[in-house]
Amino acid sequence: MPMFMDTHKNVPDLTAEAAAGVHQKDLEVQSKHGVNYLRYWFNKAEGTVYCLVDAPNEEAAVAVHREAHGMVADEMVEVKEGA
């Protein structure tokens, strides 16, 4: 299955708790779309969140964010794992 990294920029009021809560919402709906959100990272100072996801395609990954919380990524790129 393809893997994608998405980027959410300029997230207002970003905190560790807020990032964890949004990620949890993704986990609650991901199976409906055949998606597996694996990890997330955030930079509070920049208001940026990065999400790593296994998804059959970009559209399925976007659908999870849209349904879970409405925060669609600003960028999404397909990635491959390296050493």
N, C-alpha and C. Protein backbone atom coordinates (compact mmCIF):
# COMPACT_ATOMS: atom_id res chain seq x y z
N MET A 1 0.86 -1.18 0.00
CA MET A 1 0.00 0.00 0.00
C MET A 1 0.90 1.23 0.00
N PRO A 2 0.55 2.25 -0.75
CA PRO A 2 1.35 3.49 -0.76
C PRO A 2 1.36 4.16 0.62
N MET A 3 2.42 4.92 0.86
CA MET A 3 2.56 5.68 2.10
C MET A 3 2.66 7.15 1.72
N PHE A 4 2.01 7.99 2.51
CA PHE A 4 1.99 9.43 2.26
C PHE A 4 2.40 10.19 3.51
N MET A 5 3.03 11.34 3.30
CA MET A 5 3.32 12.28 4.38
C MET A 5 2.56 13.55 4.05
N ASP A 6 1.72 13.98 4.97
CA ASP A 6 1.01 15.24 4.72
C ASP A 6 1.49 16.31 5.68
N THR A 7 1.27 17.55 5.29
CA THR A 7 1.71 18.71 6.07
C THR A 7 0.54 19.66 6.25
N HIS A 8 0.31 20.02 7.50
CA HIS A 8 -0.69 21.03 7.85
C HIS A 8 0.09 22.25 8.35
N LYS A 9 -0.07 23.38 7.69
CA LYS A 9 0.69 24.58 8.04
C LYS A 9 -0.20 25.59 8.76
N ASN A 10 0.44 26.41 9.60
CA ASN A 10 -0.23 27.51 10.28
C ASN A 10 -1.46 27.07 11.06
N VAL A 11 -1.31 25.99 11.84
CA VAL A 11 -2.40 25.49 12.66
C VAL A 11 -2.51 26.41 13.89
N PRO A 12 -3.62 27.10 14.07
CA PRO A 12 -3.73 28.02 15.20
C PRO A 12 -3.83 27.28 16.53
N ASP A 13 -3.23 27.86 17.56
CA ASP A 13 -3.32 27.33 18.92
C ASP A 13 -2.86 25.87 19.03
N LEU A 14 -1.83 25.51 18.29
CA LEU A 14 -1.33 24.14 18.30
C LEU A 14 -0.67 23.82 19.64
N THR A 15 -1.11 22.74 20.24
CA THR A 15 -0.51 22.22 21.47
C THR A 15 -0.34 20.72 21.28
N ALA A 16 0.43 20.10 22.17
CA ALA A 16 0.59 18.65 22.13
C ALA A 16 -0.77 17.96 22.30
N GLU A 17 -1.58 18.48 23.20
CA GLU A 17 -2.89 17.89 23.46
C GLU A 17 -3.81 18.01 22.25
N ALA A 18 -3.78 19.16 21.60
CA ALA A 18 -4.62 19.37 20.41
C ALA A 18 -4.19 18.42 19.29
N ALA A 19 -2.88 18.29 19.06
CA ALA A 19 -2.38 17.40 18.01
C ALA A 19 -2.79 15.96 18.31
N ALA A 20 -2.67 15.53 19.57
CA ALA A 20 -3.06 14.17 19.95
C ALA A 20 -4.55 13.95 19.75
N GLY A 21 -5.36 14.95 20.07
CA GLY A 21 -6.80 14.83 19.92
C GLY A 21 -7.23 14.71 18.47
N VAL A 22 -6.62 15.48 17.61
CA VAL A 22 -6.94 15.42 16.19
C VAL A 22 -6.51 14.07 15.61
N HIS A 23 -5.33 13.60 16.01
CA HIS A 23 -4.86 12.29 15.55
C HIS A 23 -5.82 11.19 16.00
N GLN A 24 -6.30 11.27 17.22
CA GLN A 24 -7.25 10.27 17.72
C GLN A 24 -8.52 10.26 16.87
N LYS A 25 -8.98 11.42 16.46
CA LYS A 25 -10.17 11.48 15.60
C LYS A 25 -9.92 10.80 14.27
N ASP A 26 -8.69 10.95 13.72
CA ASP A 26 -8.34 10.24 12.49
C ASP A 26 -8.44 8.74 12.70
N LEU A 27 -7.88 8.26 13.81
CA LEU A 27 -7.88 6.82 14.10
C LEU A 27 -9.30 6.27 14.21
N GLU A 28 -10.22 7.08 14.69
CA GLU A 28 -11.60 6.63 14.87
C GLU A 28 -12.35 6.42 13.56
N VAL A 29 -11.96 7.09 12.49
CA VAL A 29 -12.68 6.95 11.21
C VAL A 29 -11.86 6.31 10.09
N GLN A 30 -10.58 6.09 10.32
CA GLN A 30 -9.70 5.65 9.23
C GLN A 30 -10.13 4.33 8.58
N SER A 31 -10.65 3.39 9.35
CA SER A 31 -10.99 2.08 8.77
C SER A 31 -12.09 2.17 7.72
N LYS A 32 -12.96 3.16 7.84
CA LYS A 32 -14.02 3.35 6.84
C LYS A 32 -13.45 3.61 5.45
N HIS A 33 -12.21 4.12 5.41
CA HIS A 33 -11.60 4.53 4.15
C HIS A 33 -10.41 3.64 3.76
N GLY A 34 -10.18 2.56 4.50
CA GLY A 34 -9.08 1.65 4.20
C GLY A 34 -7.72 2.27 4.43
N VAL A 35 -7.64 3.15 5.43
CA VAL A 35 -6.45 3.96 5.70
C VAL A 35 -5.90 3.61 7.08
N ASN A 36 -4.58 3.79 7.25
CA ASN A 36 -3.95 3.57 8.55
C ASN A 36 -3.01 4.73 8.84
N TYR A 37 -3.46 5.67 9.69
CA TYR A 37 -2.59 6.78 10.11
C TYR A 37 -1.59 6.23 11.11
N LEU A 38 -0.31 6.31 10.78
CA LEU A 38 0.75 5.64 11.53
C LEU A 38 1.35 6.50 12.64
N ARG A 39 1.74 7.71 12.31
CA ARG A 39 2.43 8.59 13.25
C ARG A 39 2.14 10.04 12.88
N TYR A 40 2.42 10.92 13.82
CA TYR A 40 2.35 12.34 13.52
C TYR A 40 3.47 13.04 14.28
N TRP A 41 3.87 14.18 13.77
CA TRP A 41 4.87 15.04 14.40
C TRP A 41 4.32 16.45 14.35
N PHE A 42 4.74 17.29 15.28
CA PHE A 42 4.29 18.67 15.23
C PHE A 42 5.40 19.59 15.70
N ASN A 43 5.32 20.82 15.21
CA ASN A 43 6.23 21.88 15.60
C ASN A 43 5.34 23.01 16.11
N LYS A 44 5.26 23.13 17.43
CA LYS A 44 4.37 24.12 18.04
C LYS A 44 4.73 25.53 17.63
N ALA A 45 6.02 25.86 17.60
CA ALA A 45 6.46 27.22 17.29
C ALA A 45 6.04 27.64 15.88
N GLU A 46 6.06 26.71 14.95
CA GLU A 46 5.69 27.02 13.56
C GLU A 46 4.22 26.74 13.28
N GLY A 47 3.54 26.04 14.19
CA GLY A 47 2.14 25.69 13.96
C GLY A 47 1.98 24.69 12.83
N THR A 48 2.92 23.73 12.76
CA THR A 48 2.94 22.76 11.67
C THR A 48 2.77 21.35 12.21
N VAL A 49 1.98 20.55 11.49
CA VAL A 49 1.77 19.15 11.84
C VAL A 49 2.06 18.31 10.60
N TYR A 50 2.74 17.17 10.82
CA TYR A 50 3.06 16.22 9.76
C TYR A 50 2.43 14.88 10.13
N CYS A 51 1.78 14.23 9.16
CA CYS A 51 1.14 12.94 9.40
C CYS A 51 1.66 11.92 8.40
N LEU A 52 1.98 10.72 8.89
CA LEU A 52 2.41 9.61 8.04
C LEU A 52 1.27 8.62 7.98
N VAL A 53 0.91 8.22 6.77
CA VAL A 53 -0.28 7.39 6.59
C VAL A 53 -0.09 6.37 5.48
N ASP A 54 -0.55 5.14 5.74
CA ASP A 54 -0.71 4.13 4.69
C ASP A 54 -2.12 4.32 4.15
N ALA A 55 -2.23 4.47 2.85
CA ALA A 55 -3.54 4.68 2.24
C ALA A 55 -3.53 4.12 0.83
N PRO A 56 -4.66 3.64 0.36
CA PRO A 56 -4.71 3.12 -1.00
C PRO A 56 -4.44 4.21 -2.05
N ASN A 57 -4.76 5.45 -1.67
CA ASN A 57 -4.49 6.59 -2.56
C ASN A 57 -4.62 7.88 -1.74
N GLU A 58 -4.21 8.97 -2.33
CA GLU A 58 -4.23 10.27 -1.66
C GLU A 58 -5.65 10.67 -1.26
N GLU A 59 -6.61 10.38 -2.13
CA GLU A 59 -7.99 10.77 -1.87
C GLU A 59 -8.54 10.13 -0.60
N ALA A 60 -8.17 8.87 -0.34
CA ALA A 60 -8.65 8.19 0.86
C ALA A 60 -8.06 8.83 2.12
N ALA A 61 -6.78 9.20 2.07
CA ALA A 61 -6.15 9.86 3.21
C ALA A 61 -6.81 11.20 3.49
N VAL A 62 -7.11 11.95 2.45
CA VAL A 62 -7.77 13.25 2.60
C VAL A 62 -9.18 13.06 3.17
N ALA A 63 -9.86 12.03 2.72
CA ALA A 63 -11.23 11.78 3.19
C ALA A 63 -11.27 11.55 4.70
N VAL A 64 -10.25 10.89 5.24
CA VAL A 64 -10.21 10.67 6.69
C VAL A 64 -10.12 11.99 7.43
N HIS A 65 -9.18 12.84 7.04
CA HIS A 65 -9.05 14.16 7.69
C HIS A 65 -10.33 14.97 7.57
N ARG A 66 -10.91 14.96 6.38
CA ARG A 66 -12.13 15.75 6.15
C ARG A 66 -13.26 15.27 7.06
N GLU A 67 -13.45 13.96 7.15
CA GLU A 67 -14.53 13.44 7.98
C GLU A 67 -14.23 13.57 9.47
N ALA A 68 -12.99 13.33 9.87
CA ALA A 68 -12.64 13.30 11.29
C ALA A 68 -12.67 14.67 11.95
N HIS A 69 -12.17 15.69 11.24
CA HIS A 69 -12.05 17.00 11.88
C HIS A 69 -12.05 18.18 10.91
N GLY A 70 -12.03 17.93 9.62
CA GLY A 70 -12.10 19.01 8.63
C GLY A 70 -10.78 19.69 8.33
N MET A 71 -9.71 19.29 8.97
CA MET A 71 -8.40 19.94 8.74
C MET A 71 -7.65 19.22 7.62
N VAL A 72 -7.96 19.57 6.39
CA VAL A 72 -7.33 18.95 5.24
C VAL A 72 -5.90 19.49 5.12
N ALA A 73 -4.97 18.62 4.76
CA ALA A 73 -3.56 18.99 4.66
C ALA A 73 -3.32 20.03 3.57
N ASP A 74 -2.29 20.85 3.79
CA ASP A 74 -1.87 21.82 2.78
C ASP A 74 -1.06 21.16 1.67
N GLU A 75 -0.32 20.11 2.05
CA GLU A 75 0.51 19.37 1.08
C GLU A 75 0.44 17.89 1.41
N MET A 76 0.53 17.06 0.39
CA MET A 76 0.63 15.62 0.60
C MET A 76 1.55 15.05 -0.46
N VAL A 77 2.52 14.25 -0.03
CA VAL A 77 3.45 13.63 -0.98
C VAL A 77 3.55 12.15 -0.67
N GLU A 78 3.69 11.35 -1.72
CA GLU A 78 3.93 9.92 -1.54
C GLU A 78 5.38 9.74 -1.15
N VAL A 79 5.62 8.89 -0.14
CA VAL A 79 6.98 8.65 0.35
C VAL A 79 7.24 7.14 0.41
N LYS A 80 8.51 6.79 0.45
CA LYS A 80 8.94 5.40 0.62
C LYS A 80 9.90 5.37 1.80
N GLU A 81 9.81 4.33 2.60
CA GLU A 81 10.65 4.21 3.78
C GLU A 81 12.08 3.88 3.37
N GLY A 82 13.02 4.52 4.03
CA GLY A 82 14.44 4.26 3.80
C GLY A 82 15.14 3.99 5.12
N ALA A 83 16.40 3.64 5.01
CA ALA A 83 17.18 3.33 6.22
C ALA A 83 17.66 4.59 6.90
